[in-house]
Amino acid sequence: MKVNLLPHYWKMIATGIFVLAMGIWFINVSNPELLNLDPFKFSWTLKIIILSCLLLFVSTKEKDENERISRLRSRSLSSAVIVGVLVLVMELFMEILFLGKNAEITTGYELMIVVLLVYYLSFYIKKNIKTVKRG
């Protein structure tokens, strides 16, 4: 199965944009009068930038893209989707259990961040595990 992914240098671009956004956030937190930004708009813009950077980061090729990497991507994606479904089911049970009084519903942004982080972390861990042949 041929998967169209972005070239590897997009990881550096995504990382650079993320670091720049975090720098602006740090400046805004330490001295809010300096940038004079609306907190509500700034937080949503920052969330969109973080999510976009994470999407760029996980949708780029590795330097050495091969069949093993493709299988790992597929397995990692399926485990990330399962975690996302489990989060939604857990939210449903929390809503039923607390009768809607104390439960918070996960936003799409939070769910997307969880799924993308689980995908990339499981992919990274599986990719870097050295397999040892026995016998």
C-alpha atoms as a PDB file:
ATOM      1  CA  MET A   1       0.000   0.000   0.000  1.00  0.00           C
ATOM      2  CA  LYS A   2       1.487   3.318  -1.107  1.00  0.00           C
ATOM      3  CA  VAL A   3       1.023   6.090   1.455  1.00  0.00           C
ATOM      4  CA  ASN A   4       1.736   9.662   0.444  1.00  0.00           C
ATOM      5  CA  LEU A   5       3.673  11.362   3.212  1.00  0.00           C
ATOM      6  CA  LEU A   6       5.462  14.696   3.420  1.00  0.00           C
ATOM      7  CA  PRO A   7       9.237  14.818   2.927  1.00  0.00           C
ATOM      8  CA  HIS A   8      11.406  14.400   6.024  1.00  0.00           C
ATOM      9  CA  TYR A   9      12.436  18.081   6.211  1.00  0.00           C
ATOM     10  CA  TRP A  10       8.852  18.974   7.219  1.00  0.00           C
ATOM     11  CA  LYS A  11       9.652  17.580  10.683  1.00  0.00           C
ATOM     12  CA  MET A  12      12.203  20.354  11.147  1.00  0.00           C
ATOM     13  CA  ILE A  13       9.710  22.957   9.899  1.00  0.00           C
ATOM     14  CA  ALA A  14       7.022  21.678  12.292  1.00  0.00           C
ATOM     15  CA  THR A  15       9.494  21.640  15.182  1.00  0.00           C
ATOM     16  CA  GLY A  16      10.625  25.190  14.371  1.00  0.00           C
ATOM     17  CA  ILE A  17       7.059  26.516  14.248  1.00  0.00           C
ATOM     18  CA  PHE A  18       6.275  24.743  17.541  1.00  0.00           C
ATOM     19  CA  VAL A  19       9.343  26.222  19.264  1.00  0.00           C
ATOM     20  CA  LEU A  20       8.477  29.685  17.921  1.00  0.00           C
ATOM     21  CA  ALA A  21       4.879  29.368  19.179  1.00  0.00           C
ATOM     22  CA  MET A  22       6.076  28.213  22.596  1.00  0.00           C
ATOM     23  CA  GLY A  23       8.478  31.170  22.711  1.00  0.00           C
ATOM     24  CA  ILE A  24       5.647  33.609  21.965  1.00  0.00           C
ATOM     25  CA  TRP A  25       3.515  31.882  24.610  1.00  0.00           C
ATOM     26  CA  PHE A  26       6.313  32.171  27.175  1.00  0.00           C
ATOM     27  CA  ILE A  27       6.773  35.867  26.382  1.00  0.00           C
ATOM     28  CA  ASN A  28       3.028  36.443  26.672  1.00  0.00           C
ATOM     29  CA  VAL A  29       2.827  34.617  30.024  1.00  0.00           C
ATOM     30  CA  SER A  30       5.834  36.359  31.529  1.00  0.00           C
ATOM     31  CA  ASN A  31       4.870  39.860  30.338  1.00  0.00           C
ATOM     32  CA  PRO A  32       1.274  40.074  29.005  1.00  0.00           C
ATOM     33  CA  GLU A  33       1.449  43.831  28.404  1.00  0.00           C
ATOM     34  CA  LEU A  34       4.321  43.411  25.947  1.00  0.00           C
ATOM     35  CA  LEU A  35       2.299  41.684  23.210  1.00  0.00           C
ATOM     36  CA  ASN A  36      -1.140  42.911  24.347  1.00  0.00           C
ATOM     37  CA  LEU A  37      -3.019  39.903  22.908  1.00  0.00           C
ATOM     38  CA  ASP A  38      -6.583  38.845  23.654  1.00  0.00           C
ATOM     39  CA  PRO A  39      -6.164  35.758  25.902  1.00  0.00           C
ATOM     40  CA  PHE A  40      -9.105  33.859  24.402  1.00  0.00           C
ATOM     41  CA  LYS A  41      -8.020  34.375  20.778  1.00  0.00           C
ATOM     42  CA  PHE A  42      -4.386  33.757  21.649  1.00  0.00           C
ATOM     43  CA  SER A  43      -5.137  30.432  23.356  1.00  0.00           C
ATOM     44  CA  TRP A  44      -7.199  29.184  20.415  1.00  0.00           C
ATOM     45  CA  THR A  45      -4.567  30.307  17.921  1.00  0.00           C
ATOM     46  CA  LEU A  46      -1.899  28.546  19.975  1.00  0.00           C
ATOM     47  CA  LYS A  47      -3.994  25.364  20.098  1.00  0.00           C
ATOM     48  CA  ILE A  48      -4.418  25.413  16.327  1.00  0.00           C
ATOM     49  CA  ILE A  49      -0.680  25.960  15.813  1.00  0.00           C
ATOM     50  CA  ILE A  50       0.213  23.105  18.194  1.00  0.00           C
ATOM     51  CA  LEU A  51      -2.251  20.730  16.533  1.00  0.00           C
ATOM     52  CA  SER A  52      -1.022  21.715  13.053  1.00  0.00           C
ATOM     53  CA  CYS A  53       2.598  21.171  14.065  1.00  0.00           C
ATOM     54  CA  LEU A  54       1.767  17.773  15.533  1.00  0.00           C
ATOM     55  CA  LEU A  55      -0.132  16.794  12.379  1.00  0.00           C
ATOM     56  CA  LEU A  56       2.820  17.864  10.233  1.00  0.00           C
ATOM     57  CA  PHE A  57       5.227  16.008  12.482  1.00  0.00           C
ATOM     58  CA  VAL A  58       3.404  12.677  12.349  1.00  0.00           C
ATOM     59  CA  SER A  59       2.662  12.843   8.625  1.00  0.00           C
ATOM     60  CA  THR A  60       6.263  13.044   7.435  1.00  0.00           C
ATOM     61  CA  LYS A  61       8.456  10.292   6.078  1.00  0.00           C
ATOM     62  CA  GLU A  62      11.329   8.836   7.988  1.00  0.00           C
ATOM     63  CA  LYS A  63      14.784   9.153   6.453  1.00  0.00           C
ATOM     64  CA  ASP A  64      14.776   5.433   5.722  1.00  0.00           C
ATOM     65  CA  GLU A  65      11.173   4.601   4.813  1.00  0.00           C
ATOM     66  CA  ASN A  66      10.739   0.857   4.225  1.00  0.00           C
ATOM     67  CA  GLU A  67       8.169  -1.923   4.570  1.00  0.00           C
ATOM     68  CA  ARG A  68       8.884  -2.388   8.300  1.00  0.00           C
ATOM     69  CA  ILE A  69       8.236   1.303   8.939  1.00  0.00           C
ATOM     70  CA  SER A  70       4.962   1.107   6.986  1.00  0.00           C
ATOM     71  CA  ARG A  71       3.782  -1.837   9.095  1.00  0.00           C
ATOM     72  CA  LEU A  72       4.759   0.006  12.283  1.00  0.00           C
ATOM     73  CA  ARG A  73       2.809   3.063  11.121  1.00  0.00           C
ATOM     74  CA  SER A  74      -0.258   0.908  10.529  1.00  0.00           C
ATOM     75  CA  ARG A  75      -0.029  -0.801  13.926  1.00  0.00           C
ATOM     76  CA  SER A  76       0.602   2.480  15.722  1.00  0.00           C
ATOM     77  CA  LEU A  77      -2.338   4.124  14.011  1.00  0.00           C
ATOM     78  CA  SER A  78      -4.677   1.301  14.989  1.00  0.00           C
ATOM     79  CA  SER A  79      -3.527   1.421  18.622  1.00  0.00           C
ATOM     80  CA  ALA A  80      -3.960   5.223  18.675  1.00  0.00           C
ATOM     81  CA  VAL A  81      -7.509   4.946  17.315  1.00  0.00           C
ATOM     82  CA  ILE A  82      -8.303   2.307  19.959  1.00  0.00           C
ATOM     83  CA  VAL A  83      -7.016   4.662  22.681  1.00  0.00           C
ATOM     84  CA  GLY A  84      -9.174   7.466  21.248  1.00  0.00           C
ATOM     85  CA  VAL A  85     -12.250   5.241  21.312  1.00  0.00           C
ATOM     86  CA  LEU A  86     -11.453   4.186  24.891  1.00  0.00           C
ATOM     87  CA  VAL A  87     -11.209   7.840  25.922  1.00  0.00           C
ATOM     88  CA  LEU A  88     -14.630   8.519  24.409  1.00  0.00           C
ATOM     89  CA  VAL A  89     -16.176   5.447  26.066  1.00  0.00           C
ATOM     90  CA  MET A  90     -14.627   6.465  29.394  1.00  0.00           C
ATOM     91  CA  GLU A  91     -16.118   9.956  28.957  1.00  0.00           C
ATOM     92  CA  LEU A  92     -19.520   8.394  28.303  1.00  0.00           C
ATOM     93  CA  PHE A  93     -19.349   6.299  31.476  1.00  0.00           C
ATOM     94  CA  MET A  94     -18.146   9.279  33.512  1.00  0.00           C
ATOM     95  CA  GLU A  95     -21.074  11.309  32.195  1.00  0.00           C
ATOM     96  CA  ILE A  96     -23.527   8.541  33.144  1.00  0.00           C
ATOM     97  CA  LEU A  97     -21.871   7.884  36.501  1.00  0.00           C
ATOM     98  CA  PHE A  98     -21.880  11.518  37.625  1.00  0.00           C
ATOM     99  CA  LEU A  99     -25.188  12.337  35.895  1.00  0.00           C
ATOM    100  CA  GLY A 100     -23.568  15.194  34.030  1.00  0.00           C
ATOM    101  CA  LYS A 101     -22.729  17.156  37.188  1.00  0.00           C
ATOM    102  CA  ASN A 102     -18.961  16.804  37.537  1.00  0.00           C
ATOM    103  CA  ALA A 103     -17.896  15.232  34.284  1.00  0.00           C
ATOM    104  CA  GLU A 104     -16.157  17.236  31.600  1.00  0.00           C
ATOM    105  CA  ILE A 105     -16.597  16.267  27.989  1.00  0.00           C
ATOM    106  CA  THR A 106     -13.357  15.954  26.053  1.00  0.00           C
ATOM    107  CA  THR A 107     -13.146  18.430  23.211  1.00  0.00           C
ATOM    108  CA  GLY A 108     -12.196  17.372  19.717  1.00  0.00           C
ATOM    109  CA  TYR A 109      -8.921  19.214  20.130  1.00  0.00           C
ATOM    110  CA  GLU A 110      -7.983  17.266  23.251  1.00  0.00           C
ATOM    111  CA  LEU A 111      -8.994  13.967  21.676  1.00  0.00           C
ATOM    112  CA  MET A 112      -6.978  14.727  18.534  1.00  0.00           C
ATOM    113  CA  ILE A 113      -3.912  15.624  20.608  1.00  0.00           C
ATOM    114  CA  VAL A 114      -4.228  12.372  22.594  1.00  0.00           C
ATOM    115  CA  VAL A 115      -4.601  10.248  19.453  1.00  0.00           C
ATOM    116  CA  LEU A 116      -1.681  11.925  17.667  1.00  0.00           C
ATOM    117  CA  LEU A 117       0.605  11.692  20.702  1.00  0.00           C
ATOM    118  CA  VAL A 118      -0.258   8.033  21.284  1.00  0.00           C
ATOM    119  CA  TYR A 119       0.330   7.351  17.591  1.00  0.00           C
ATOM    120  CA  TYR A 120       3.722   9.035  17.475  1.00  0.00           C
ATOM    121  CA  LEU A 121       4.963   7.705  20.816  1.00  0.00           C
ATOM    122  CA  SER A 122       3.962   4.128  20.023  1.00  0.00           C
ATOM    123  CA  PHE A 123       5.475   4.448  16.538  1.00  0.00           C
ATOM    124  CA  TYR A 124       8.714   5.889  17.935  1.00  0.00           C
ATOM    125  CA  ILE A 125       9.017   3.225  20.629  1.00  0.00           C
ATOM    126  CA  LYS A 126       8.273   0.357  18.234  1.00  0.00           C
ATOM    127  CA  LYS A 127      10.664   1.780  15.632  1.00  0.00           C
ATOM    128  CA  ASN A 128      13.562   2.057  18.061  1.00  0.00           C
ATOM    129  CA  ILE A 129      13.206  -1.340  19.743  1.00  0.00           C
ATOM    130  CA  LYS A 130      16.039  -3.548  18.618  1.00  0.00           C
ATOM    131  CA  THR A 131      14.895  -7.055  17.786  1.00  0.00           C
ATOM    132  CA  VAL A 132      17.201  -9.865  18.810  1.00  0.00           C
ATOM    133  CA  LYS A 133      17.242 -13.105  16.862  1.00  0.00           C
ATOM    134  CA  ARG A 134      17.415 -16.143  19.070  1.00  0.00           C
ATOM    135  CA  GLY A 135      18.898 -19.381  18.302  1.00  0.00           C
END
